[in-house]
Amino acid sequence: MKKGLTLCLFFLITSNFIRSQSLPPVAQALYDEAFLHDSLAVQYAINQGADILPTPDGNSFYIKWFPVGSTPSSTPLIVTLHGSSGYAFPEFFDWHSQAIQHGCGIIALQWYRGDSAGFPNDYFNDTTLYSYIDFALSEFNYPSAKAFLHGFSRGSARSYALNFYDSHGGKNYFCTTLSNAGGAEPSYPLYSDITLGVHGTNVFAGIHFNLFCGGNDPNPNQSGCIGMNNTKNWLQAQGATVDIFIEDDTLGHDGFHTIPMYMDSILDQYLTCYSSQVGIKKIQTVNKVTIFPNPGADFIELSTNENVFKISIINAIGQTLPNITISNSRIDISDLDNGLYFVVIEMKNRETEIHKVIKN
């Protein structure tokens, strides 16, 4: 009796919840599938006041959210794409708290066509995907060169195509991009044509990218650090600027969103771009600073030939710790709790390095 009542209540709540979404049939079915996969993520977006809106053809939907009281056309904006067989709602959840802190809106697009869609039609193609983004941003007259594009995994692999179409006949929406754990596959038709010069030379000139890879990614040659380094070289050969490349040997495929400091660094860089300022800081992947011992118990020391301007210690949830004693190159960590910390070293040449340190 109790089990039956629970199931009836669940069905009633679920049905009422789904019926509250005014979507065309195809988009509604895709929304229903997303709800079944992760109802908590869907409910979270609704609780935050997000709008669930259909794409112009009614074949999918996107999530639109802006901070209360903001004007969408003049608010920094994260445009984000989920990964393989994914859904827009968890992607919205992953960015939402940082979006609040940085004053950004979010557009999260559903571009996987659902479990019933078969290859090669299981994802929308590049031009359709760009048209959906264009439609969403045009609805509130979002200006050129102000949006931040993020793609995770398969979404990252498509981020290069979206930048191509954005800058070649598009609206030039993207100020900068984070390609997160998804490289540019050389055999992908558009990328192969770019490499062969079909579209001319330096097709990414003036376009800014940031990259992330985890050293424990199960596909190192595609979405891991080998693949992302190859992508970096390919982008630069086509005239792109890679501002930040975060390589973390300890993280896996989906590691970026687990480190608030990394998210903050990327969003800070984006807001610099949004404000049209210069002097972007870079996280160096070829380290000029060595920290030892690591793990450490009472102290750690820095070894470098660079002129260090500032040293900060940040905990695992992104809080800068006050009252850290630094004497010359020695940092006292004896009063810190055991765990993971980040040592941020800012140098006088405006470069920044972030080192992970374990206190034990």
Protein backbone atom coordinates (compact mmCIF):
# COMPACT_ATOMS: atom_id res chain seq x y z
CA MET A 1 0.00 0.00 0.00
CA LYS A 2 2.74 2.42 0.96
CA LYS A 3 4.78 1.56 -2.14
CA GLY A 4 1.75 2.04 -4.40
CA LEU A 5 0.93 5.38 -2.81
CA THR A 6 4.52 6.53 -3.28
CA LEU A 7 4.48 5.57 -6.95
CA CYS A 8 1.15 7.35 -7.50
CA LEU A 9 2.43 10.50 -5.83
CA PHE A 10 5.64 10.36 -7.86
CA PHE A 11 3.66 9.95 -11.08
CA LEU A 12 1.33 12.81 -10.16
CA ILE A 13 4.16 15.18 -9.24
CA THR A 14 6.18 14.19 -12.28
CA SER A 15 3.23 14.57 -14.63
CA ASN A 16 2.27 17.96 -13.25
CA PHE A 17 5.88 19.09 -13.39
CA ILE A 18 6.31 18.02 -16.99
CA ARG A 19 2.99 19.47 -18.10
CA SER A 20 4.07 22.83 -16.71
CA GLN A 21 6.68 23.10 -19.49
CA SER A 22 5.21 24.76 -22.61
CA LEU A 23 7.33 22.99 -25.22
CA PRO A 24 6.52 21.57 -28.66
CA PRO A 25 6.10 17.76 -28.73
CA VAL A 26 9.63 16.80 -29.84
CA ALA A 27 11.30 19.20 -27.42
CA GLN A 28 8.89 18.08 -24.67
CA ALA A 29 9.84 14.43 -25.19
CA LEU A 30 13.51 15.34 -24.95
CA TYR A 31 12.82 17.36 -21.80
CA ASP A 32 10.91 14.40 -20.30
CA GLU A 33 13.91 12.17 -21.00
CA ALA A 34 16.25 14.65 -19.32
CA PHE A 35 13.91 14.70 -16.32
CA LEU A 36 13.99 10.91 -16.05
CA HIS A 37 17.79 10.88 -16.26
CA ASP A 38 18.31 13.51 -13.54
CA SER A 39 15.14 14.90 -11.99
CA LEU A 40 17.10 16.70 -9.25
CA ALA A 41 19.11 18.70 -11.79
CA VAL A 42 15.92 19.65 -13.62
CA GLN A 43 14.20 20.66 -10.39
CA TYR A 44 17.27 22.67 -9.38
CA ALA A 45 17.11 24.74 -12.58
CA ILE A 46 13.40 25.37 -12.10
CA ASN A 47 13.93 26.36 -8.46
CA GLN A 48 16.52 28.93 -9.56
CA GLY A 49 13.97 30.58 -11.83
CA ALA A 50 15.49 29.30 -15.09
CA ASP A 51 13.39 29.40 -18.24
CA ILE A 52 13.14 26.28 -20.39
CA LEU A 53 12.62 27.49 -23.95
CA PRO A 54 12.24 25.69 -27.29
CA THR A 55 14.64 25.99 -30.18
CA PRO A 56 13.07 27.70 -33.24
CA ASP A 57 12.33 24.39 -34.99
CA GLY A 58 10.86 22.80 -31.86
CA ASN A 59 13.33 19.92 -31.97
CA SER A 60 15.13 20.75 -28.72
CA PHE A 61 15.26 23.27 -25.87
CA TYR A 62 17.67 25.45 -23.97
CA ILE A 63 17.91 26.75 -20.41
CA LYS A 64 18.08 30.50 -19.94
CA TRP A 65 18.94 32.07 -16.59
CA PHE A 66 20.13 35.53 -15.55
CA PRO A 67 20.76 37.03 -12.12
CA VAL A 68 17.71 38.71 -10.62
CA GLY A 69 17.44 42.33 -11.71
CA SER A 70 20.03 42.05 -14.49
CA THR A 71 19.57 43.18 -18.07
CA PRO A 72 20.41 40.17 -20.30
CA SER A 73 21.83 42.21 -23.17
CA SER A 74 24.39 43.86 -20.87
CA THR A 75 25.23 40.93 -18.58
CA PRO A 76 28.21 38.57 -18.99
CA LEU A 77 26.96 35.28 -20.41
CA ILE A 78 28.09 31.64 -20.24
CA VAL A 79 26.95 29.60 -23.26
CA THR A 80 27.57 25.97 -22.36
CA LEU A 81 27.38 22.62 -24.17
CA HIS A 82 27.15 19.28 -22.38
CA GLY A 83 29.15 16.18 -23.23
CA SER A 84 28.38 12.84 -24.86
CA SER A 85 24.88 11.46 -24.25
CA GLY A 86 24.38 14.33 -21.85
CA TYR A 87 21.72 16.82 -20.89
CA ALA A 88 21.67 20.56 -20.37
CA PHE A 89 20.47 20.51 -16.76
CA PRO A 90 23.58 19.06 -15.06
CA GLU A 91 25.66 21.49 -17.14
CA PHE A 92 23.55 24.36 -15.80
CA PHE A 93 24.02 23.04 -12.26
CA ASP A 94 27.81 22.81 -12.66
CA TRP A 95 28.10 26.49 -13.64
CA HIS A 96 25.35 28.09 -11.59
CA SER A 97 27.11 28.88 -8.29
CA GLN A 98 30.13 30.37 -10.07
CA ALA A 99 27.82 32.30 -12.39
CA ILE A 100 26.19 33.89 -9.34
CA GLN A 101 29.56 34.84 -7.85
CA HIS A 102 30.76 36.39 -11.11
CA GLY A 103 27.50 38.03 -12.14
CA CYS A 104 27.01 35.92 -15.28
CA GLY A 105 23.92 34.60 -17.01
CA ILE A 106 23.72 31.09 -18.47
CA ILE A 107 22.46 29.59 -21.71
CA ALA A 108 22.70 25.78 -21.56
CA LEU A 109 21.73 24.11 -24.82
CA GLN A 110 20.34 20.59 -25.19
CA TRP A 111 22.11 19.32 -28.30
CA TYR A 112 22.07 15.55 -27.72
CA ARG A 113 18.92 14.31 -29.45
CA GLY A 114 18.12 11.63 -26.90
CA ASP A 115 18.58 7.92 -26.28
CA SER A 116 16.26 6.93 -29.12
CA ALA A 117 18.22 8.89 -31.74
CA GLY A 118 20.71 6.77 -33.61
CA PHE A 119 24.04 7.52 -35.24
CA PRO A 120 24.68 9.68 -37.24
CA ASN A 121 21.68 11.74 -36.12
CA ASP A 122 22.20 11.48 -32.37
CA TYR A 123 23.55 15.07 -32.17
CA PHE A 124 22.62 18.22 -34.04
CA ASN A 125 25.15 19.22 -36.69
CA ASP A 126 27.43 22.24 -36.42
CA THR A 127 25.37 24.70 -38.43
CA THR A 128 22.14 23.75 -36.66
CA LEU A 129 23.88 24.03 -33.31
CA TYR A 130 25.16 27.49 -34.14
CA SER A 131 21.73 28.55 -35.37
CA TYR A 132 20.25 27.52 -32.01
CA ILE A 133 22.81 29.63 -30.15
CA ASP A 134 22.21 32.53 -32.51
CA PHE A 135 18.45 32.27 -31.94
CA ALA A 136 18.83 32.17 -28.14
CA LEU A 137 21.14 35.19 -28.03
CA SER A 138 19.24 37.15 -30.65
CA GLU A 139 16.09 36.91 -28.52
CA PHE A 140 17.56 39.51 -26.17
CA ASN A 141 19.86 41.28 -28.64
CA TYR A 142 23.11 40.04 -27.13
CA PRO A 143 26.07 42.02 -28.51
CA SER A 144 29.08 40.77 -30.43
CA ALA A 145 32.35 39.75 -28.75
CA LYS A 146 30.85 39.47 -25.25
CA ALA A 147 29.75 35.85 -24.68
CA PHE A 148 31.80 33.03 -23.16
CA LEU A 149 31.49 29.65 -24.89
CA HIS A 150 32.14 26.49 -22.90
CA GLY A 151 32.08 22.97 -24.26
CA PHE A 152 32.66 19.81 -22.26
CA SER A 153 33.85 16.55 -23.85
CA ARG A 154 31.93 16.17 -27.12
CA GLY A 155 30.75 19.74 -26.62
CA SER A 156 34.39 20.77 -26.43
CA ALA A 157 35.13 18.91 -29.66
CA ARG A 158 32.41 21.01 -31.31
CA SER A 159 33.57 24.30 -29.79
CA TYR A 160 36.16 24.81 -32.54
CA ALA A 161 33.50 24.42 -35.25
CA LEU A 162 31.21 26.87 -33.46
CA ASN A 163 34.00 29.43 -33.32
CA PHE A 164 34.63 28.89 -37.02
CA TYR A 165 30.99 29.55 -37.92
CA ASP A 166 30.74 32.40 -35.44
CA SER A 167 33.67 34.19 -37.08
CA HIS A 168 32.94 33.18 -40.70
CA GLY A 169 29.54 34.60 -41.53
CA GLY A 170 28.23 34.49 -37.97
CA LYS A 171 27.56 37.16 -35.35
CA ASN A 172 31.01 37.09 -33.66
CA TYR A 173 29.36 36.45 -30.30
CA PHE A 174 32.27 34.76 -28.55
CA CYS A 175 34.76 36.78 -26.58
CA THR A 176 36.62 33.66 -25.45
CA THR A 177 36.09 29.89 -25.25
CA LEU A 178 36.90 27.10 -22.82
CA SER A 179 37.38 23.79 -24.63
CA ASN A 180 37.12 21.36 -21.73
CA ALA A 181 38.45 17.83 -22.29
CA GLY A 182 37.61 17.40 -25.95
CA GLY A 183 40.15 17.83 -28.72
CA ALA A 184 39.79 18.70 -32.38
CA GLU A 185 39.72 15.31 -34.10
CA PRO A 186 41.90 15.64 -37.25
CA SER A 187 39.58 13.44 -39.32
CA TYR A 188 36.47 15.51 -38.56
CA PRO A 189 35.54 16.91 -42.00
CA LEU A 190 35.56 20.61 -41.10
CA TYR A 191 38.81 20.33 -39.16
CA SER A 192 40.44 18.32 -41.93
CA ASP A 193 39.45 21.03 -44.42
CA ILE A 194 40.84 23.74 -42.14
CA THR A 195 44.13 21.87 -41.86
CA LEU A 196 44.30 21.47 -45.65
CA GLY A 197 43.72 25.19 -46.14
CA VAL A 198 40.34 24.83 -47.85
CA HIS A 199 39.04 27.85 -45.93
CA GLY A 200 42.24 29.86 -46.23
CA THR A 201 44.99 30.45 -43.70
CA ASN A 202 44.81 31.59 -40.07
CA VAL A 203 41.08 30.89 -39.89
CA PHE A 204 41.14 31.35 -36.10
CA ALA A 205 43.08 34.63 -36.14
CA GLY A 206 41.91 36.91 -33.35
CA ILE A 207 40.00 34.10 -31.60
CA HIS A 208 40.84 33.29 -27.96
CA PHE A 209 40.69 29.81 -26.45
CA ASN A 210 41.31 28.28 -23.05
CA LEU A 211 41.91 24.54 -22.68
CA PHE A 212 41.61 21.95 -19.92
CA CYS A 213 42.78 18.35 -19.71
CA GLY A 214 43.12 15.78 -16.95
CA GLY A 215 46.09 13.46 -16.76
CA ASN A 216 43.80 10.56 -15.79
CA ASP A 217 41.45 11.01 -18.73
CA PRO A 218 40.67 7.52 -20.09
CA ASN A 219 41.18 8.77 -23.68
CA PRO A 220 44.49 10.64 -23.50
CA ASN A 221 44.92 10.91 -27.27
CA GLN A 222 41.47 12.39 -27.82
CA SER A 223 40.24 14.27 -24.75
CA GLY A 224 43.22 13.92 -22.42
CA CYS A 225 46.41 15.91 -22.33
CA ILE A 226 47.99 14.45 -25.47
CA GLY A 227 44.91 15.27 -27.50
CA MET A 228 44.49 18.72 -25.98
CA ASN A 229 48.16 19.59 -26.56
CA ASN A 230 47.76 18.53 -30.19
CA THR A 231 44.68 20.73 -30.35
CA LYS A 232 46.59 23.64 -28.85
CA ASN A 233 49.24 23.33 -31.56
CA TRP A 234 46.55 23.07 -34.27
CA LEU A 235 44.71 26.15 -33.02
CA GLN A 236 47.89 28.21 -32.83
CA ALA A 237 48.90 27.07 -36.32
CA GLN A 238 45.58 28.53 -37.50
CA GLY A 239 46.22 31.87 -35.80
CA ALA A 240 44.29 31.34 -32.54
CA THR A 241 45.48 32.60 -29.17
CA VAL A 242 45.49 30.09 -26.29
CA ASP A 243 45.35 32.22 -23.16
CA ILE A 244 45.05 29.58 -20.43
CA PHE A 245 45.84 25.88 -20.64
CA ILE A 246 45.17 23.97 -17.42
CA GLU A 247 46.78 20.54 -17.34
CA ASP A 248 46.13 18.65 -14.11
CA ASP A 249 47.80 15.27 -13.89
CA THR A 250 45.63 14.20 -10.93
CA LEU A 251 42.21 14.74 -12.50
CA GLY A 252 40.07 12.72 -14.85
CA HIS A 253 37.86 13.53 -17.81
CA ASP A 254 35.32 15.58 -15.85
CA GLY A 255 37.76 17.12 -13.39
CA PHE A 256 37.45 20.80 -14.31
CA HIS A 257 34.21 21.47 -12.47
CA THR A 258 35.53 19.80 -9.30
CA ILE A 259 38.10 22.58 -8.72
CA PRO A 260 36.46 25.96 -7.98
CA MET A 261 39.80 27.69 -8.38
CA TYR A 262 40.00 26.57 -12.00
CA MET A 263 36.48 27.78 -12.73
CA ASP A 264 37.22 31.12 -11.07
CA SER A 265 40.41 31.54 -13.11
CA ILE A 266 38.58 30.96 -16.38
CA LEU A 267 35.68 33.24 -15.49
CA ASP A 268 38.05 35.97 -14.29
CA GLN A 269 39.82 35.74 -17.65
CA TYR A 270 36.49 35.89 -19.45
CA LEU A 271 35.37 38.97 -17.50
CA THR A 272 38.63 40.66 -18.43
CA CYS A 273 37.81 39.92 -22.06
CA TYR A 274 34.18 41.01 -21.58
CA SER A 275 35.38 44.34 -20.19
CA SER A 276 37.75 44.73 -23.17
CA GLN A 277 40.78 45.04 -20.91
CA VAL A 278 44.28 43.87 -21.72
CA GLY A 279 46.97 42.07 -19.79
CA ILE A 280 45.40 38.63 -19.42
CA LYS A 281 47.18 36.42 -16.91
CA LYS A 282 48.21 32.98 -18.00
CA ILE A 283 48.45 29.77 -16.03
CA GLN A 284 51.72 28.28 -17.11
CA THR A 285 51.87 24.59 -18.00
CA VAL A 286 55.66 24.65 -18.15
CA ASN A 287 56.29 25.54 -14.55
CA LYS A 288 58.94 28.07 -13.60
CA VAL A 289 58.40 27.42 -9.90
CA THR A 290 59.12 24.22 -7.97
CA ILE A 291 57.50 23.53 -4.60
CA PHE A 292 58.89 21.00 -2.13
CA PRO A 293 58.33 18.93 -0.06
CA ASN A 294 54.96 17.94 -1.47
CA PRO A 295 53.18 16.53 0.48
CA GLY A 296 54.41 18.68 3.34
CA ALA A 297 53.68 18.78 7.06
CA ASP A 298 55.08 21.98 8.62
CA PHE A 299 56.39 24.02 5.72
CA ILE A 300 56.91 24.10 1.97
CA GLU A 301 59.55 25.95 -0.01
CA LEU A 302 59.54 27.62 -3.42
CA SER A 303 62.43 27.39 -5.83
CA THR A 304 62.45 29.76 -8.81
CA ASN A 305 64.62 32.19 -10.75
CA GLU A 306 61.62 34.46 -11.42
CA ASN A 307 60.74 37.65 -9.54
CA VAL A 308 57.74 36.71 -7.43
CA PHE A 309 55.20 39.47 -6.83
CA LYS A 310 52.58 37.73 -4.68
CA ILE A 311 51.92 34.31 -3.10
CA SER A 312 48.47 33.16 -2.00
CA ILE A 313 47.18 29.96 -0.43
CA ILE A 314 43.69 28.85 -1.46
CA ASN A 315 41.74 25.94 -0.01
CA ALA A 316 39.83 23.29 -1.97
CA ILE A 317 36.62 25.35 -2.10
CA GLY A 318 38.30 28.45 -3.48
CA GLN A 319 38.78 30.51 -0.29
CA THR A 320 41.96 32.57 0.04
CA LEU A 321 43.49 31.89 3.44
CA PRO A 322 44.57 34.90 5.54
CA ASN A 323 47.50 35.12 7.93
CA ILE A 324 49.82 32.73 6.10
CA THR A 325 53.42 33.26 7.20
CA ILE A 326 55.81 33.56 4.26
CA SER A 327 59.48 34.13 4.95
CA ASN A 328 61.60 34.46 1.84
CA SER A 329 60.81 31.27 -0.06
CA ARG A 330 59.44 29.29 2.90
CA ILE A 331 55.70 29.04 3.62
CA ASP A 332 54.50 27.92 7.04
CA ILE A 333 51.62 25.44 6.67
CA SER A 334 51.80 23.93 10.16
CA ASP A 335 48.47 25.45 11.25
CA LEU A 336 46.52 24.23 8.21
CA ASP A 337 44.24 21.22 8.35
CA ASN A 338 45.36 18.18 6.39
CA GLY A 339 44.11 18.20 2.82
CA LEU A 340 44.44 19.78 -0.62
CA TYR A 341 45.50 23.42 -1.15
CA PHE A 342 46.49 25.61 -4.07
CA VAL A 343 49.55 27.84 -4.04
CA VAL A 344 49.07 30.74 -6.43
CA ILE A 345 52.30 32.44 -7.46
CA GLU A 346 51.99 35.74 -9.31
CA MET A 347 55.19 36.92 -10.98
CA LYS A 348 56.23 40.40 -11.95
CA ASN A 349 56.03 39.53 -15.66
CA ARG A 350 52.23 39.05 -15.11
CA GLU A 351 52.41 35.27 -15.43
CA THR A 352 50.63 33.15 -12.84
CA GLU A 353 51.25 29.58 -11.75
CA ILE A 354 48.92 27.44 -9.64
CA HIS A 355 50.40 24.46 -7.79
CA LYS A 356 48.46 21.78 -5.94
CA VAL A 357 49.93 21.01 -2.52
CA ILE A 358 48.97 18.31 -0.04
CA LYS A 359 49.24 19.05 3.70
CA ASN A 360 49.67 15.89 5.77
